[in-house]
Amino acid sequence: MPFPQTRMRRLRATRALRGLVRETEISAADFVYPMFVASGLDRREPIEAMPGIEHLSIAHAVDEVGELAALGVPAVLLFGIPASKDAEGSGAWDDEGIVQLATRAIKEAHPDTIVIADLCLCEYTDHGHCGVLRGSSVDNDATLELLARTAVSQARAGADIIAPSDMMDGRVGVIRQALDEDGLTDTPILAYSSKFASAFYGPFREAAGSTPSFGDRRGYQMDPANGAEAVRESKLDLDEGADMLMVKPALPYLDVIRRVKDETGVPLAAYNVSGEYAMVKAAAAAGYLDERATVLETLTGIRRAGADVIITYHAKDAARWLQ
């Protein structure tokens, strides 16, 4: 018998053959594009740490969604930059708040686009933490009522999905109850279930103005060393009524994406976060990497790991490249 009998290279010889046996496909339909909508802004304002990403006025956000829809990107994730902040983050549940106003405008202009409202208080608090403070600690249970109030306000404004990212214990159950009691039983919850206390959030915190004024978030976000805990967090959120789960960040946690997907079997999102985006942009600008090839390989890897949905700042470029 000739050696070797099995030659794996036979099916790699041409682009057509490689495409025929490709195991993992990505498309624009897999992407969610995060957007920063700023109160009082009448223009696009570049975010220095995230080349190509901008603070947007509501009108420009509507235009951006139109461009995304034309590229086949089905959903956006909204982050609001309020005009003012306070200790409780009251701008988050203001029915005339920036996310609520942007949601109404986007849904009126582009009703088929899925609007996901990020639900957290950190952009709205004057201390930058994700909940109510008691001394130097975040009061988990006191924060839950404010998150529930925000979820109802966002859903009433037309948000298709509510995405709590605060990492307070029990928040999914409280939000689900509040939505149901308000007649919003059909509004799904995408829980940031495995949100790690990551160094990769730096550019986002600049963009959202949400850097804590003291301390850090390690008391409520997950330890990067823990994988089994991520599975446990995910199952608890499902028990409380989550419809979808998320792992954030994506690239350092591909193993967690796979574990959560295998253990739960529910729709799973992975957030390709700001630091991951900024690193590729910086390396490409320096000529160290081919940006297109690197981004498409990255997104394919996230999908291969088990993500059904990829939240990524690369969504617009990747959608164009995949056309």
C-alpha atoms as a PDB file:
ATOM      1  CA  MET A   1       0.000   0.000   0.000  1.00  0.00           C
ATOM      2  CA  PRO A   2       1.465   3.388  -0.997  1.00  0.00           C
ATOM      3  CA  PHE A   3       2.483   5.806   1.741  1.00  0.00           C
ATOM      4  CA  PRO A   4       0.697   7.870   2.781  1.00  0.00           C
ATOM      5  CA  GLN A   5      -2.698   6.475   1.790  1.00  0.00           C
ATOM      6  CA  THR A   6      -4.545   9.385   3.385  1.00  0.00           C
ATOM      7  CA  ARG A   7      -3.362  12.769   2.145  1.00  0.00           C
ATOM      8  CA  MET A   8      -5.164  15.599   3.928  1.00  0.00           C
ATOM      9  CA  ARG A   9      -3.758  18.098   1.424  1.00  0.00           C
ATOM     10  CA  ARG A  10      -5.927  16.713  -1.380  1.00  0.00           C
ATOM     11  CA  LEU A  11      -8.929  18.727  -0.183  1.00  0.00           C
ATOM     12  CA  ARG A  12      -6.841  21.872   0.371  1.00  0.00           C
ATOM     13  CA  ALA A  13      -5.470  22.132  -3.145  1.00  0.00           C
ATOM     14  CA  THR A  14      -7.831  24.799  -4.516  1.00  0.00           C
ATOM     15  CA  ARG A  15     -10.054  27.518  -3.162  1.00  0.00           C
ATOM     16  CA  ALA A  16     -13.121  25.669  -4.424  1.00  0.00           C
ATOM     17  CA  LEU A  17     -12.127  22.448  -2.663  1.00  0.00           C
ATOM     18  CA  ARG A  18     -11.389  24.286   0.568  1.00  0.00           C
ATOM     19  CA  GLY A  19     -14.778  25.964   0.382  1.00  0.00           C
ATOM     20  CA  LEU A  20     -16.534  22.686  -0.293  1.00  0.00           C
ATOM     21  CA  VAL A  21     -15.342  21.093   2.956  1.00  0.00           C
ATOM     22  CA  ARG A  22     -15.212  24.192   5.156  1.00  0.00           C
ATOM     23  CA  GLU A  23     -16.613  23.413   8.596  1.00  0.00           C
ATOM     24  CA  THR A  24     -17.264  26.927   9.890  1.00  0.00           C
ATOM     25  CA  GLU A  25     -18.837  29.783   7.960  1.00  0.00           C
ATOM     26  CA  ILE A  26     -19.322  33.378   9.015  1.00  0.00           C
ATOM     27  CA  SER A  27     -21.617  35.954   7.474  1.00  0.00           C
ATOM     28  CA  ALA A  28     -22.866  39.460   8.163  1.00  0.00           C
ATOM     29  CA  ALA A  29     -26.000  37.858   9.614  1.00  0.00           C
ATOM     30  CA  ASP A  30     -23.896  36.638  12.570  1.00  0.00           C
ATOM     31  CA  PHE A  31     -22.795  40.133  13.621  1.00  0.00           C
ATOM     32  CA  VAL A  32     -23.985  42.721  16.124  1.00  0.00           C
ATOM     33  CA  TYR A  33     -22.443  46.180  15.856  1.00  0.00           C
ATOM     34  CA  PRO A  34     -21.924  48.149  19.091  1.00  0.00           C
ATOM     35  CA  MET A  35     -22.643  51.887  18.871  1.00  0.00           C
ATOM     36  CA  PHE A  36     -22.020  54.806  21.230  1.00  0.00           C
ATOM     37  CA  VAL A  37     -24.821  57.362  21.071  1.00  0.00           C
ATOM     38  CA  ALA A  38     -24.117  60.638  22.866  1.00  0.00           C
ATOM     39  CA  SER A  39     -26.591  63.116  24.273  1.00  0.00           C
ATOM     40  CA  GLY A  40     -26.345  66.670  22.935  1.00  0.00           C
ATOM     41  CA  LEU A  41     -24.058  65.711  20.070  1.00  0.00           C
ATOM     42  CA  ASP A  42     -24.842  66.907  16.533  1.00  0.00           C
ATOM     43  CA  ARG A  43     -21.970  65.238  14.697  1.00  0.00           C
ATOM     44  CA  ARG A  44     -19.695  62.228  14.550  1.00  0.00           C
ATOM     45  CA  GLU A  45     -16.863  62.413  17.064  1.00  0.00           C
ATOM     46  CA  PRO A  46     -13.911  59.996  16.604  1.00  0.00           C
ATOM     47  CA  ILE A  47     -12.869  57.850  19.561  1.00  0.00           C
ATOM     48  CA  GLU A  48      -9.084  58.054  19.683  1.00  0.00           C
ATOM     49  CA  ALA A  49      -8.467  54.632  21.209  1.00  0.00           C
ATOM     50  CA  MET A  50     -10.754  52.894  18.693  1.00  0.00           C
ATOM     51  CA  PRO A  51      -9.919  54.011  15.134  1.00  0.00           C
ATOM     52  CA  GLY A  52     -12.991  53.930  12.933  1.00  0.00           C
ATOM     53  CA  ILE A  53     -15.438  54.013  15.861  1.00  0.00           C
ATOM     54  CA  GLU A  54     -17.219  57.237  16.788  1.00  0.00           C
ATOM     55  CA  HIS A  55     -19.534  58.883  19.254  1.00  0.00           C
ATOM     56  CA  LEU A  56     -22.734  59.454  17.294  1.00  0.00           C
ATOM     57  CA  SER A  57     -25.635  61.823  17.459  1.00  0.00           C
ATOM     58  CA  ILE A  58     -29.039  60.168  17.224  1.00  0.00           C
ATOM     59  CA  ALA A  59     -29.362  61.260  13.586  1.00  0.00           C
ATOM     60  CA  HIS A  60     -25.972  59.825  12.734  1.00  0.00           C
ATOM     61  CA  ALA A  61     -26.821  56.615  14.606  1.00  0.00           C
ATOM     62  CA  VAL A  62     -29.897  56.245  12.408  1.00  0.00           C
ATOM     63  CA  ASP A  63     -27.729  56.740   9.315  1.00  0.00           C
ATOM     64  CA  GLU A  64     -25.224  54.191  10.613  1.00  0.00           C
ATOM     65  CA  VAL A  65     -27.965  51.609  11.094  1.00  0.00           C
ATOM     66  CA  GLY A  66     -29.111  52.167   7.528  1.00  0.00           C
ATOM     67  CA  GLU A  67     -25.597  51.459   6.282  1.00  0.00           C
ATOM     68  CA  LEU A  68     -25.375  48.324   8.425  1.00  0.00           C
ATOM     69  CA  ALA A  69     -28.733  47.068   7.210  1.00  0.00           C
ATOM     70  CA  ALA A  70     -27.614  47.486   3.600  1.00  0.00           C
ATOM     71  CA  LEU A  71     -24.574  45.335   4.416  1.00  0.00           C
ATOM     72  CA  GLY A  72     -26.733  42.624   5.946  1.00  0.00           C
ATOM     73  CA  VAL A  73     -25.829  43.274   9.609  1.00  0.00           C
ATOM     74  CA  PRO A  74     -29.093  42.582  11.469  1.00  0.00           C
ATOM     75  CA  ALA A  75     -28.515  44.087  14.912  1.00  0.00           C
ATOM     76  CA  VAL A  76     -26.911  46.881  16.914  1.00  0.00           C
ATOM     77  CA  LEU A  77     -25.982  47.112  20.583  1.00  0.00           C
ATOM     78  CA  LEU A  78     -26.590  50.576  22.026  1.00  0.00           C
ATOM     79  CA  PHE A  79     -24.486  52.304  24.667  1.00  0.00           C
ATOM     80  CA  GLY A  80     -25.592  55.727  25.859  1.00  0.00           C
ATOM     81  CA  ILE A  81     -23.436  58.714  26.814  1.00  0.00           C
ATOM     82  CA  PRO A  82     -25.706  60.937  28.935  1.00  0.00           C
ATOM     83  CA  ALA A  83     -25.502  64.701  29.343  1.00  0.00           C
ATOM     84  CA  SER A  84     -25.141  64.394  33.113  1.00  0.00           C
ATOM     85  CA  LYS A  85     -24.468  61.737  35.749  1.00  0.00           C
ATOM     86  CA  ASP A  86     -25.408  61.168  39.380  1.00  0.00           C
ATOM     87  CA  ALA A  87     -24.763  58.691  42.173  1.00  0.00           C
ATOM     88  CA  GLU A  88     -27.597  56.338  41.180  1.00  0.00           C
ATOM     89  CA  GLY A  89     -27.271  56.630  37.402  1.00  0.00           C
ATOM     90  CA  SER A  90     -30.827  57.936  37.022  1.00  0.00           C
ATOM     91  CA  GLY A  91     -30.272  58.781  33.367  1.00  0.00           C
ATOM     92  CA  ALA A  92     -30.356  55.062  32.630  1.00  0.00           C
ATOM     93  CA  TRP A  93     -34.109  54.736  33.329  1.00  0.00           C
ATOM     94  CA  ASP A  94     -35.140  58.171  32.053  1.00  0.00           C
ATOM     95  CA  ASP A  95     -37.822  57.584  29.407  1.00  0.00           C
ATOM     96  CA  GLU A  96     -36.280  60.520  27.517  1.00  0.00           C
ATOM     97  CA  GLY A  97     -32.739  59.221  28.053  1.00  0.00           C
ATOM     98  CA  ILE A  98     -30.252  58.869  25.250  1.00  0.00           C
ATOM     99  CA  VAL A  99     -30.673  55.120  24.664  1.00  0.00           C
ATOM    100  CA  GLN A 100     -34.462  55.413  24.773  1.00  0.00           C
ATOM    101  CA  LEU A 101     -34.502  58.308  22.296  1.00  0.00           C
ATOM    102  CA  ALA A 102     -32.027  56.569  19.992  1.00  0.00           C
ATOM    103  CA  THR A 103     -34.017  53.337  20.121  1.00  0.00           C
ATOM    104  CA  ARG A 104     -37.226  55.075  19.083  1.00  0.00           C
ATOM    105  CA  ALA A 105     -35.507  56.875  16.222  1.00  0.00           C
ATOM    106  CA  ILE A 106     -33.764  53.744  14.944  1.00  0.00           C
ATOM    107  CA  LYS A 107     -36.886  51.583  15.119  1.00  0.00           C
ATOM    108  CA  GLU A 108     -38.948  54.227  13.337  1.00  0.00           C
ATOM    109  CA  ALA A 109     -36.445  54.506  10.487  1.00  0.00           C
ATOM    110  CA  HIS A 110     -35.334  50.869  10.361  1.00  0.00           C
ATOM    111  CA  PRO A 111     -38.018  48.694  11.965  1.00  0.00           C
ATOM    112  CA  ASP A 112     -36.402  45.417  10.878  1.00  0.00           C
ATOM    113  CA  THR A 113     -33.082  46.129  12.609  1.00  0.00           C
ATOM    114  CA  ILE A 114     -32.754  44.440  15.991  1.00  0.00           C
ATOM    115  CA  VAL A 115     -31.952  46.969  18.706  1.00  0.00           C
ATOM    116  CA  ILE A 116     -30.217  45.472  21.742  1.00  0.00           C
ATOM    117  CA  ALA A 117     -30.090  47.816  24.728  1.00  0.00           C
ATOM    118  CA  ASP A 118     -27.078  47.369  26.956  1.00  0.00           C
ATOM    119  CA  LEU A 119     -28.338  47.534  30.533  1.00  0.00           C
ATOM    120  CA  CYS A 120     -25.841  48.851  33.061  1.00  0.00           C
ATOM    121  CA  LEU A 121     -25.488  51.924  35.253  1.00  0.00           C
ATOM    122  CA  CYS A 122     -21.754  52.529  34.827  1.00  0.00           C
ATOM    123  CA  GLU A 123     -22.132  55.052  31.977  1.00  0.00           C
ATOM    124  CA  TYR A 124     -24.660  56.990  34.060  1.00  0.00           C
ATOM    125  CA  THR A 125     -23.098  57.036  37.549  1.00  0.00           C
ATOM    126  CA  ASP A 126     -20.748  59.809  38.610  1.00  0.00           C
ATOM    127  CA  HIS A 127     -18.485  57.217  40.260  1.00  0.00           C
ATOM    128  CA  GLY A 128     -18.302  54.856  37.268  1.00  0.00           C
ATOM    129  CA  HIS A 129     -19.363  51.705  39.090  1.00  0.00           C
ATOM    130  CA  CYS A 130     -22.189  49.490  37.889  1.00  0.00           C
ATOM    131  CA  GLY A 131     -24.562  49.990  40.810  1.00  0.00           C
ATOM    132  CA  VAL A 132     -25.505  51.878  43.941  1.00  0.00           C
ATOM    133  CA  LEU A 133     -22.671  52.437  46.386  1.00  0.00           C
ATOM    134  CA  ARG A 134     -22.763  51.711  50.081  1.00  0.00           C
ATOM    135  CA  GLY A 135     -19.497  53.112  51.276  1.00  0.00           C
ATOM    136  CA  SER A 136     -16.868  51.837  48.867  1.00  0.00           C
ATOM    137  CA  SER A 137     -18.835  48.738  47.770  1.00  0.00           C
ATOM    138  CA  VAL A 138     -21.593  48.220  45.235  1.00  0.00           C
ATOM    139  CA  ASP A 139     -24.845  47.238  46.942  1.00  0.00           C
ATOM    140  CA  ASN A 140     -26.039  44.300  44.873  1.00  0.00           C
ATOM    141  CA  ASP A 141     -29.660  44.151  46.029  1.00  0.00           C
ATOM    142  CA  ALA A 142     -30.272  47.916  46.036  1.00  0.00           C
ATOM    143  CA  THR A 143     -29.027  48.000  42.435  1.00  0.00           C
ATOM    144  CA  LEU A 144     -31.513  45.389  41.205  1.00  0.00           C
ATOM    145  CA  GLU A 145     -34.537  47.686  41.449  1.00  0.00           C
ATOM    146  CA  LEU A 146     -32.784  50.327  39.341  1.00  0.00           C
ATOM    147  CA  LEU A 147     -31.783  47.775  36.705  1.00  0.00           C
ATOM    148  CA  ALA A 148     -35.365  46.515  36.505  1.00  0.00           C
ATOM    149  CA  ARG A 149     -36.654  50.071  36.122  1.00  0.00           C
ATOM    150  CA  THR A 150     -34.138  50.674  33.324  1.00  0.00           C
ATOM    151  CA  ALA A 151     -35.058  47.439  31.528  1.00  0.00           C
ATOM    152  CA  VAL A 152     -38.744  48.387  31.463  1.00  0.00           C
ATOM    153  CA  SER A 153     -37.938  51.884  30.162  1.00  0.00           C
ATOM    154  CA  GLN A 154     -35.706  50.485  27.414  1.00  0.00           C
ATOM    155  CA  ALA A 155     -38.249  47.887  26.350  1.00  0.00           C
ATOM    156  CA  ARG A 156     -41.082  50.425  26.308  1.00  0.00           C
ATOM    157  CA  ALA A 157     -38.918  52.563  24.017  1.00  0.00           C
ATOM    158  CA  GLY A 158     -38.822  49.683  21.530  1.00  0.00           C
ATOM    159  CA  ALA A 159     -35.654  47.751  22.351  1.00  0.00           C
ATOM    160  CA  ASP A 160     -35.979  44.266  20.906  1.00  0.00           C
ATOM    161  CA  ILE A 161     -33.575  42.676  23.413  1.00  0.00           C
ATOM    162  CA  ILE A 162     -32.467  43.758  26.890  1.00  0.00           C
ATOM    163  CA  ALA A 163     -28.843  42.907  27.690  1.00  0.00           C
ATOM    164  CA  PRO A 164     -27.879  43.289  31.373  1.00  0.00           C
ATOM    165  CA  SER A 165     -24.115  43.657  31.692  1.00  0.00           C
ATOM    166  CA  ASP A 166     -23.765  44.702  35.340  1.00  0.00           C
ATOM    167  CA  MET A 167     -22.994  41.243  36.812  1.00  0.00           C
ATOM    168  CA  MET A 168     -25.180  41.754  39.895  1.00  0.00           C
ATOM    169  CA  ASP A 169     -26.402  38.477  41.379  1.00  0.00           C
ATOM    170  CA  GLY A 170     -30.088  37.810  40.712  1.00  0.00           C
ATOM    171  CA  ARG A 171     -30.553  40.582  38.194  1.00  0.00           C
ATOM    172  CA  VAL A 172     -31.941  38.422  35.396  1.00  0.00           C
ATOM    173  CA  GLY A 173     -34.793  37.147  37.553  1.00  0.00           C
ATOM    174  CA  VAL A 174     -35.686  40.631  38.791  1.00  0.00           C
ATOM    175  CA  ILE A 175     -35.570  42.057  35.261  1.00  0.00           C
ATOM    176  CA  ARG A 176     -37.675  39.209  33.897  1.00  0.00           C
ATOM    177  CA  GLN A 177     -40.304  39.757  36.579  1.00  0.00           C
ATOM    178  CA  ALA A 178     -40.404  43.509  35.953  1.00  0.00           C
ATOM    179  CA  LEU A 179     -40.773  43.066  32.203  1.00  0.00           C
ATOM    180  CA  ASP A 180     -43.522  40.493  32.630  1.00  0.00           C
ATOM    181  CA  GLU A 181     -45.442  42.636  35.116  1.00  0.00           C
ATOM    182  CA  ASP A 182     -45.345  45.504  32.615  1.00  0.00           C
ATOM    183  CA  GLY A 183     -46.785  43.315  29.856  1.00  0.00           C
ATOM    184  CA  LEU A 184     -43.431  42.964  28.107  1.00  0.00           C
ATOM    185  CA  THR A 185     -43.372  39.186  28.260  1.00  0.00           C
ATOM    186  CA  ASP A 186     -42.129  38.850  24.681  1.00  0.00           C
ATOM    187  CA  THR A 187     -38.974  40.923  25.281  1.00  0.00           C
ATOM    188  CA  PRO A 188     -35.965  38.562  25.422  1.00  0.00           C
ATOM    189  CA  ILE A 189     -33.025  38.909  27.797  1.00  0.00           C
ATOM    190  CA  LEU A 190     -29.451  38.470  26.570  1.00  0.00           C
ATOM    191  CA  ALA A 191     -27.473  38.042  29.770  1.00  0.00           C
ATOM    192  CA  TYR A 192     -23.816  39.003  30.015  1.00  0.00           C
ATOM    193  CA  SER A 193     -23.426  35.838  32.071  1.00  0.00           C
ATOM    194  CA  SER A 194     -19.660  35.335  31.772  1.00  0.00           C
ATOM    195  CA  LYS A 195     -18.297  38.861  31.951  1.00  0.00           C
ATOM    196  CA  PHE A 196     -14.706  38.757  33.109  1.00  0.00           C
ATOM    197  CA  ALA A 197     -12.786  41.501  34.902  1.00  0.00           C
ATOM    198  CA  SER A 198     -10.609  42.020  31.864  1.00  0.00           C
ATOM    199  CA  ALA A 199      -7.744  44.289  30.867  1.00  0.00           C
ATOM    200  CA  PHE A 200      -9.228  44.347  27.355  1.00  0.00           C
ATOM    201  CA  TYR A 201     -11.950  46.881  28.260  1.00  0.00           C
ATOM    202  CA  GLY A 202      -9.661  49.914  28.363  1.00  0.00           C
ATOM    203  CA  PRO A 203     -10.648  51.579  25.071  1.00  0.00           C
ATOM    204  CA  PHE A 204     -14.351  51.033  25.806  1.00  0.00           C
ATOM    205  CA  ARG A 205     -14.061  52.832  29.124  1.00  0.00           C
ATOM    206  CA  GLU A 206     -12.576  55.810  27.322  1.00  0.00           C
ATOM    207  CA  ALA A 207     -15.377  55.688  24.764  1.00  0.00           C
ATOM    208  CA  ALA A 208     -18.167  55.338  27.341  1.00  0.00           C
ATOM    209  CA  GLY A 209     -16.638  57.531  30.028  1.00  0.00           C
ATOM    210  CA  SER A 210     -17.175  54.690  32.488  1.00  0.00           C
ATOM    211  CA  THR A 211     -13.817  54.234  34.188  1.00  0.00           C
ATOM    212  CA  PRO A 212     -14.432  53.787  37.941  1.00  0.00           C
ATOM    213  CA  SER A 213     -13.369  56.825  39.961  1.00  0.00           C
ATOM    214  CA  PHE A 214     -11.872  54.479  42.566  1.00  0.00           C
ATOM    215  CA  GLY A 215     -11.080  50.788  42.878  1.00  0.00           C
ATOM    216  CA  ASP A 216     -12.052  48.320  40.185  1.00  0.00           C
ATOM    217  CA  ARG A 217     -14.847  45.898  39.260  1.00  0.00           C
ATOM    218  CA  ARG A 218     -13.228  42.665  40.374  1.00  0.00           C
ATOM    219  CA  GLY A 219     -15.705  42.328  43.211  1.00  0.00           C
ATOM    220  CA  TYR A 220     -18.558  41.708  40.775  1.00  0.00           C
ATOM    221  CA  GLN A 221     -17.031  40.803  37.414  1.00  0.00           C
ATOM    222  CA  MET A 222     -15.491  37.345  37.041  1.00  0.00           C
ATOM    223  CA  ASP A 223     -11.938  36.251  37.787  1.00  0.00           C
ATOM    224  CA  PRO A 224     -10.225  35.545  34.419  1.00  0.00           C
ATOM    225  CA  ALA A 225      -8.829  32.307  35.852  1.00  0.00           C
ATOM    226  CA  ASN A 226     -12.254  30.663  36.328  1.00  0.00           C
ATOM    227  CA  GLY A 227     -13.919  28.572  33.629  1.00  0.00           C
ATOM    228  CA  ALA A 228     -16.203  26.304  35.654  1.00  0.00           C
ATOM    229  CA  GLU A 229     -17.613  29.368  37.396  1.00  0.00           C
ATOM    230  CA  ALA A 230     -18.611  30.777  33.995  1.00  0.00           C
ATOM    231  CA  VAL A 231     -20.683  27.669  33.320  1.00  0.00           C
ATOM    232  CA  ARG A 232     -22.312  27.995  36.733  1.00  0.00           C
ATOM    233  CA  GLU A 233     -23.097  31.691  36.158  1.00  0.00           C
ATOM    234  CA  SER A 234     -24.632  30.820  32.805  1.00  0.00           C
ATOM    235  CA  LYS A 235     -26.873  28.126  34.234  1.00  0.00           C
ATOM    236  CA  LEU A 236     -28.034  30.417  37.037  1.00  0.00           C
ATOM    237  CA  ASP A 237     -29.017  33.075  34.497  1.00  0.00           C
ATOM    238  CA  LEU A 238     -30.940  30.506  32.486  1.00  0.00           C
ATOM    239  CA  ASP A 239     -32.772  29.411  35.617  1.00  0.00           C
ATOM    240  CA  GLU A 240     -33.733  33.055  36.225  1.00  0.00           C
ATOM    241  CA  GLY A 241     -35.165  33.460  32.718  1.00  0.00           C
ATOM    242  CA  ALA A 242     -32.371  34.461  30.341  1.00  0.00           C
ATOM    243  CA  ASP A 243     -33.106  33.655  26.696  1.00  0.00           C
ATOM    244  CA  MET A 244     -29.539  34.070  25.427  1.00  0.00           C
ATOM    245  CA  LEU A 245     -26.127  34.090  27.075  1.00  0.00           C
ATOM    246  CA  MET A 246     -22.892  35.952  26.475  1.00  0.00           C
ATOM    247  CA  VAL A 247     -19.180  35.458  27.065  1.00  0.00           C
ATOM    248  CA  LYS A 248     -17.111  38.667  27.254  1.00  0.00           C
ATOM    249  CA  PRO A 249     -14.334  39.124  26.119  1.00  0.00           C
ATOM    250  CA  ALA A 250     -14.066  36.610  23.299  1.00  0.00           C
ATOM    251  CA  LEU A 251     -10.493  35.832  22.249  1.00  0.00           C
ATOM    252  CA  PRO A 252      -8.892  35.055  25.642  1.00  0.00           C
ATOM    253  CA  TYR A 253     -11.978  32.989  26.524  1.00  0.00           C
ATOM    254  CA  LEU A 254     -12.577  30.757  23.503  1.00  0.00           C
ATOM    255  CA  ASP A 255     -12.443  27.747  25.822  1.00  0.00           C
ATOM    256  CA  VAL A 256     -15.201  29.286  27.943  1.00  0.00           C
ATOM    257  CA  ILE A 257     -17.329  29.895  24.841  1.00  0.00           C
ATOM    258  CA  ARG A 258     -17.043  26.212  23.971  1.00  0.00           C
ATOM    259  CA  ARG A 259     -17.755  25.044  27.533  1.00  0.00           C
ATOM    260  CA  VAL A 260     -20.810  27.256  27.940  1.00  0.00           C
ATOM    261  CA  LYS A 261     -22.183  26.252  24.542  1.00  0.00           C
ATOM    262  CA  ASP A 262     -21.677  22.546  25.224  1.00  0.00           C
ATOM    263  CA  GLU A 263     -23.135  22.754  28.732  1.00  0.00           C
ATOM    264  CA  THR A 264     -26.215  24.848  27.915  1.00  0.00           C
ATOM    265  CA  GLY A 265     -27.025  24.458  24.216  1.00  0.00           C
ATOM    266  CA  VAL A 266     -28.768  27.851  24.135  1.00  0.00           C
ATOM    267  CA  PRO A 267     -28.074  30.748  21.744  1.00  0.00           C
ATOM    268  CA  LEU A 268     -24.694  32.171  22.719  1.00  0.00           C
ATOM    269  CA  ALA A 269     -23.130  35.544  21.955  1.00  0.00           C
ATOM    270  CA  ALA A 270     -19.453  36.405  22.267  1.00  0.00           C
ATOM    271  CA  TYR A 271     -18.250  39.992  22.573  1.00  0.00           C
ATOM    272  CA  ASN A 272     -15.103  40.765  20.570  1.00  0.00           C
ATOM    273  CA  VAL A 273     -14.286  43.717  22.812  1.00  0.00           C
ATOM    274  CA  SER A 274     -12.655  47.099  22.374  1.00  0.00           C
ATOM    275  CA  GLY A 275      -9.140  46.038  23.373  1.00  0.00           C
ATOM    276  CA  GLU A 276      -9.187  43.145  20.931  1.00  0.00           C
ATOM    277  CA  TYR A 277     -10.351  45.553  18.210  1.00  0.00           C
ATOM    278  CA  ALA A 278      -7.775  48.215  19.082  1.00  0.00           C
ATOM    279  CA  MET A 279      -4.865  45.749  19.040  1.00  0.00           C
ATOM    280  CA  VAL A 280      -5.680  44.609  15.507  1.00  0.00           C
ATOM    281  CA  LYS A 281      -6.129  48.196  14.346  1.00  0.00           C
ATOM    282  CA  ALA A 282      -2.797  49.269  15.839  1.00  0.00           C
ATOM    283  CA  ALA A 283      -0.886  46.290  14.443  1.00  0.00           C
ATOM    284  CA  ALA A 284      -2.446  46.769  10.999  1.00  0.00           C
ATOM    285  CA  ALA A 285      -1.634  50.490  11.018  1.00  0.00           C
ATOM    286  CA  ALA A 286       1.980  49.643  11.832  1.00  0.00           C
ATOM    287  CA  GLY A 287       2.115  47.158   8.975  1.00  0.00           C
ATOM    288  CA  TYR A 288       2.567  44.154  11.254  1.00  0.00           C
ATOM    289  CA  LEU A 289      -0.682  42.397  10.240  1.00  0.00           C
ATOM    290  CA  ASP A 290      -2.996  42.142   7.253  1.00  0.00           C
ATOM    291  CA  GLU A 291      -6.147  43.642   8.785  1.00  0.00           C
ATOM    292  CA  ARG A 292      -8.689  41.895   6.571  1.00  0.00           C
ATOM    293  CA  ALA A 293      -7.142  38.441   6.933  1.00  0.00           C
ATOM    294  CA  THR A 294      -6.645  38.885  10.675  1.00  0.00           C
ATOM    295  CA  VAL A 295     -10.195  40.057  11.340  1.00  0.00           C
ATOM    296  CA  LEU A 296     -11.842  37.309   9.297  1.00  0.00           C
ATOM    297  CA  GLU A 297      -9.651  34.656  10.946  1.00  0.00           C
ATOM    298  CA  THR A 298     -10.497  36.074  14.369  1.00  0.00           C
ATOM    299  CA  LEU A 299     -14.241  36.093  13.752  1.00  0.00           C
ATOM    300  CA  THR A 300     -14.113  32.592  12.288  1.00  0.00           C
ATOM    301  CA  GLY A 301     -12.283  31.384  15.406  1.00  0.00           C
ATOM    302  CA  ILE A 302     -14.942  32.881  17.678  1.00  0.00           C
ATOM    303  CA  ARG A 303     -17.680  31.237  15.630  1.00  0.00           C
ATOM    304  CA  ARG A 304     -15.822  27.908  15.581  1.00  0.00           C
ATOM    305  CA  ALA A 305     -15.509  28.008  19.365  1.00  0.00           C
ATOM    306  CA  GLY A 306     -19.304  27.911  19.624  1.00  0.00           C
ATOM    307  CA  ALA A 307     -20.641  31.466  19.369  1.00  0.00           C
ATOM    308  CA  ASP A 308     -23.891  31.861  17.444  1.00  0.00           C
ATOM    309  CA  VAL A 309     -23.674  35.660  17.558  1.00  0.00           C
ATOM    310  CA  ILE A 310     -20.551  37.829  17.425  1.00  0.00           C
ATOM    311  CA  ILE A 311     -20.674  41.339  18.847  1.00  0.00           C
ATOM    312  CA  THR A 312     -17.824  43.149  17.136  1.00  0.00           C
ATOM    313  CA  TYR A 313     -16.627  46.626  16.195  1.00  0.00           C
ATOM    314  CA  HIS A 314     -15.300  45.017  13.001  1.00  0.00           C
ATOM    315  CA  ALA A 315     -18.858  44.256  11.822  1.00  0.00           C
ATOM    316  CA  LYS A 316     -19.065  46.874   9.079  1.00  0.00           C
ATOM    317  CA  ASP A 317     -15.689  46.082   7.557  1.00  0.00           C
ATOM    318  CA  ALA A 318     -16.152  42.335   7.867  1.00  0.00           C
ATOM    319  CA  ALA A 319     -19.590  42.522   6.242  1.00  0.00           C
ATOM    320  CA  ARG A 320     -18.093  44.377   3.272  1.00  0.00           C
ATOM    321  CA  TRP A 321     -15.247  41.876   2.949  1.00  0.00           C
ATOM    322  CA  LEU A 322     -17.658  38.945   3.006  1.00  0.00           C
ATOM    323  CA  GLN A 323     -19.885  40.320   0.245  1.00  0.00           C
END
